[in-house]
Amino acid sequence: MSNTSWFNKDEFKKNIISNCKSLFRKNIDEADKQQLFQSVAYAVKEIIIDRWIATQKEYAKQDKKTVYYMSMEFLMGRALGNNMINLMAYDEMKEVLEELGMDINVIEANSLTYSLGKFFSLISMPFSSFLSLFVYSILSFEHPLVIKIITVNIA
């Protein structure tokens, strides 16, 4: 069993509700499936960003060397569900969604059809300006291209 003592269900629920209101000016019960997906995805993204920042601070403190690897793939798949699993809080997040009257399967199904041109963000990296321009040029042609950046820290 995984340790999810860091996960705050109430905060996650508030973030989903807040995202729906601020992004779409709707309550949860008024939002369509795509809007619900985006509200949940942004709430998961917030958790990932907080943990990413903490990890980067730890790496900086330890003065780790970093190798950047960039690959491009088509049709990445269910990123939201994968991120929930990788956070080791899938069951807890599923419970929150059920409390809000959402079906996790419906939410995840919307991630398959979600086009990259509508939702893309980069976590800043040393070459982010160049990469942002490159990604923008790709997105302007509406290609279903996903850029995946993997960092490996070396002791």
Protein backbone atom coordinates (compact mmCIF):
# COMPACT_ATOMS: atom_id res chain seq x y z
CA MET A 1 0.00 0.00 0.00
CA SER A 2 1.37 3.41 -0.95
CA ASN A 3 1.86 6.29 1.44
CA THR A 4 -0.46 9.11 0.41
CA SER A 5 -0.34 11.05 3.67
CA TRP A 6 0.79 14.06 1.57
CA PHE A 7 -2.45 14.00 -0.45
CA ASN A 8 -5.21 16.32 0.80
CA LYS A 9 -8.61 15.25 -0.54
CA ASP A 10 -10.36 18.45 0.53
CA GLU A 11 -7.77 20.65 -1.16
CA PHE A 12 -7.94 18.56 -4.34
CA LYS A 13 -11.73 18.84 -4.38
CA LYS A 14 -11.57 22.61 -3.84
CA ASN A 15 -9.05 22.93 -6.69
CA ILE A 16 -11.31 21.05 -9.11
CA ILE A 17 -14.31 23.21 -8.18
CA SER A 18 -12.20 26.38 -8.37
CA ASN A 19 -10.76 25.40 -11.77
CA CYS A 20 -14.23 24.82 -13.16
CA LYS A 21 -15.39 28.20 -11.91
CA SER A 22 -12.35 30.19 -12.97
CA LEU A 23 -11.79 28.50 -16.34
CA PHE A 24 -15.41 28.10 -17.48
CA ARG A 25 -17.50 30.24 -15.10
CA LYS A 26 -19.60 27.17 -14.28
CA ASN A 27 -20.38 24.98 -11.30
CA ILE A 28 -19.44 21.30 -11.49
CA ASP A 29 -23.03 20.25 -12.23
CA GLU A 30 -23.21 22.70 -15.19
CA ALA A 31 -19.92 21.73 -16.85
CA ASP A 32 -19.70 19.41 -19.85
CA LYS A 33 -17.40 16.36 -19.96
CA GLN A 34 -14.53 18.23 -21.57
CA GLN A 35 -14.70 21.05 -19.01
CA LEU A 36 -14.73 18.52 -16.18
CA PHE A 37 -11.70 16.81 -17.68
CA GLN A 38 -9.82 20.11 -17.87
CA SER A 39 -10.77 21.05 -14.30
CA VAL A 40 -9.45 17.73 -13.00
CA ALA A 41 -6.35 17.85 -15.23
CA TYR A 42 -5.40 21.30 -13.93
CA ALA A 43 -5.88 20.14 -10.32
CA VAL A 44 -3.58 17.16 -10.94
CA LYS A 45 -1.12 19.46 -12.71
CA GLU A 46 -0.97 21.69 -9.61
CA ILE A 47 0.05 18.70 -7.49
CA ILE A 48 2.68 17.69 -10.02
CA ILE A 49 4.09 21.23 -10.19
CA ASP A 50 4.36 21.49 -6.40
CA ARG A 51 6.19 18.17 -6.23
CA TRP A 52 8.36 19.11 -9.25
CA ILE A 53 9.45 22.34 -7.54
CA ALA A 54 10.31 20.49 -4.33
CA THR A 55 12.30 17.92 -6.31
CA GLN A 56 14.21 20.59 -8.25
CA LYS A 57 15.08 22.39 -5.01
CA GLU A 58 16.43 19.14 -3.59
CA TYR A 59 18.48 18.50 -6.74
CA ALA A 60 19.88 22.04 -6.60
CA LYS A 61 20.77 21.62 -2.94
CA GLN A 62 22.66 18.39 -3.75
CA ASP A 63 24.26 20.00 -6.82
CA LYS A 64 23.27 17.11 -9.12
CA LYS A 65 24.24 17.02 -12.78
CA THR A 66 21.32 16.82 -15.21
CA VAL A 67 21.00 15.21 -18.61
CA TYR A 68 18.15 16.38 -20.84
CA TYR A 69 16.56 13.97 -23.27
CA MET A 70 13.92 15.09 -25.75
CA SER A 71 11.75 12.78 -27.81
CA MET A 72 8.67 13.30 -29.94
CA GLU A 73 5.72 10.95 -30.07
CA PHE A 74 2.34 10.87 -31.71
CA LEU A 75 -0.88 10.25 -29.77
CA MET A 76 0.47 9.91 -26.27
CA GLY A 77 -2.61 8.35 -24.68
CA ARG A 78 -4.15 8.70 -21.24
CA ALA A 79 -1.81 11.17 -19.59
CA LEU A 80 -4.25 12.16 -16.84
CA GLY A 81 -4.79 8.61 -15.59
CA ASN A 82 -1.08 7.86 -15.87
CA ASN A 83 -0.23 10.96 -13.83
CA MET A 84 -2.75 9.99 -11.14
CA ILE A 85 -1.20 6.52 -10.96
CA ASN A 86 2.36 7.90 -10.91
CA LEU A 87 1.43 10.18 -8.01
CA MET A 88 0.34 6.99 -6.22
CA ALA A 89 -2.95 8.66 -5.32
CA TYR A 90 -5.24 7.20 -8.01
CA ASP A 91 -7.73 5.64 -5.58
CA GLU A 92 -7.89 8.76 -3.42
CA MET A 93 -8.39 11.00 -6.45
CA LYS A 94 -11.04 8.63 -7.78
CA GLU A 95 -12.89 8.90 -4.44
CA VAL A 96 -12.85 12.71 -4.66
CA LEU A 97 -14.25 12.57 -8.19
CA GLU A 98 -16.99 10.21 -7.06
CA GLU A 99 -17.85 12.60 -4.21
CA LEU A 100 -18.24 15.32 -6.85
CA GLY A 101 -20.51 13.05 -8.92
CA MET A 102 -17.92 12.34 -11.62
CA ASP A 103 -17.03 9.01 -13.20
CA ILE A 104 -13.28 8.54 -13.52
CA ASN A 105 -13.74 6.47 -16.68
CA VAL A 106 -15.64 9.29 -18.39
CA ILE A 107 -13.02 11.84 -17.31
CA GLU A 108 -10.15 9.67 -18.54
CA ALA A 109 -11.92 8.94 -21.83
CA ASN A 110 -11.93 12.67 -22.57
CA SER A 111 -8.15 12.78 -22.25
CA LEU A 112 -7.86 10.54 -25.32
CA THR A 113 -9.64 13.01 -27.57
CA TYR A 114 -8.12 16.14 -26.13
CA SER A 115 -6.05 17.88 -28.79
CA LEU A 116 -2.59 19.12 -27.96
CA GLY A 117 -3.35 22.49 -29.52
CA LYS A 118 -5.86 23.26 -26.76
CA PHE A 119 -3.81 22.24 -23.75
CA PHE A 120 -0.04 22.38 -23.59
CA SER A 121 2.34 23.67 -21.04
CA LEU A 122 6.07 23.38 -20.55
CA ILE A 123 7.93 23.33 -17.32
CA SER A 124 10.74 25.84 -17.68
CA MET A 125 14.06 24.46 -18.81
CA PRO A 126 17.28 26.13 -19.95
CA PHE A 127 16.27 25.86 -23.58
CA SER A 128 12.59 26.66 -23.00
CA SER A 129 12.49 29.75 -25.22
CA PHE A 130 13.71 27.85 -28.26
CA LEU A 131 11.51 24.89 -27.43
CA SER A 132 8.45 27.10 -26.94
CA LEU A 133 8.90 28.60 -30.39
CA PHE A 134 9.37 25.14 -31.88
CA VAL A 135 6.25 23.81 -30.16
CA TYR A 136 4.24 26.88 -31.15
CA SER A 137 5.16 26.35 -34.80
CA ILE A 138 4.08 22.71 -34.59
CA LEU A 139 0.81 23.55 -32.83
CA SER A 140 -0.07 26.19 -35.38
CA PHE A 141 -0.31 23.38 -37.93
CA GLU A 142 -2.63 21.32 -35.65
CA HIS A 143 -0.40 18.22 -35.69
CA PRO A 144 -1.10 15.64 -32.96
CA LEU A 145 2.51 15.78 -31.82
CA VAL A 146 3.57 15.38 -28.22
CA ILE A 147 6.96 16.50 -27.01
CA LYS A 148 8.17 14.56 -24.03
CA ILE A 149 11.11 15.85 -22.05
CA ILE A 150 12.76 13.53 -19.60
CA THR A 151 15.42 14.68 -17.18
CA VAL A 152 17.77 12.26 -15.53
CA ASN A 153 19.80 13.41 -12.59
CA ILE A 154 23.24 11.94 -12.23
CA ALA A 155 24.98 11.61 -8.88
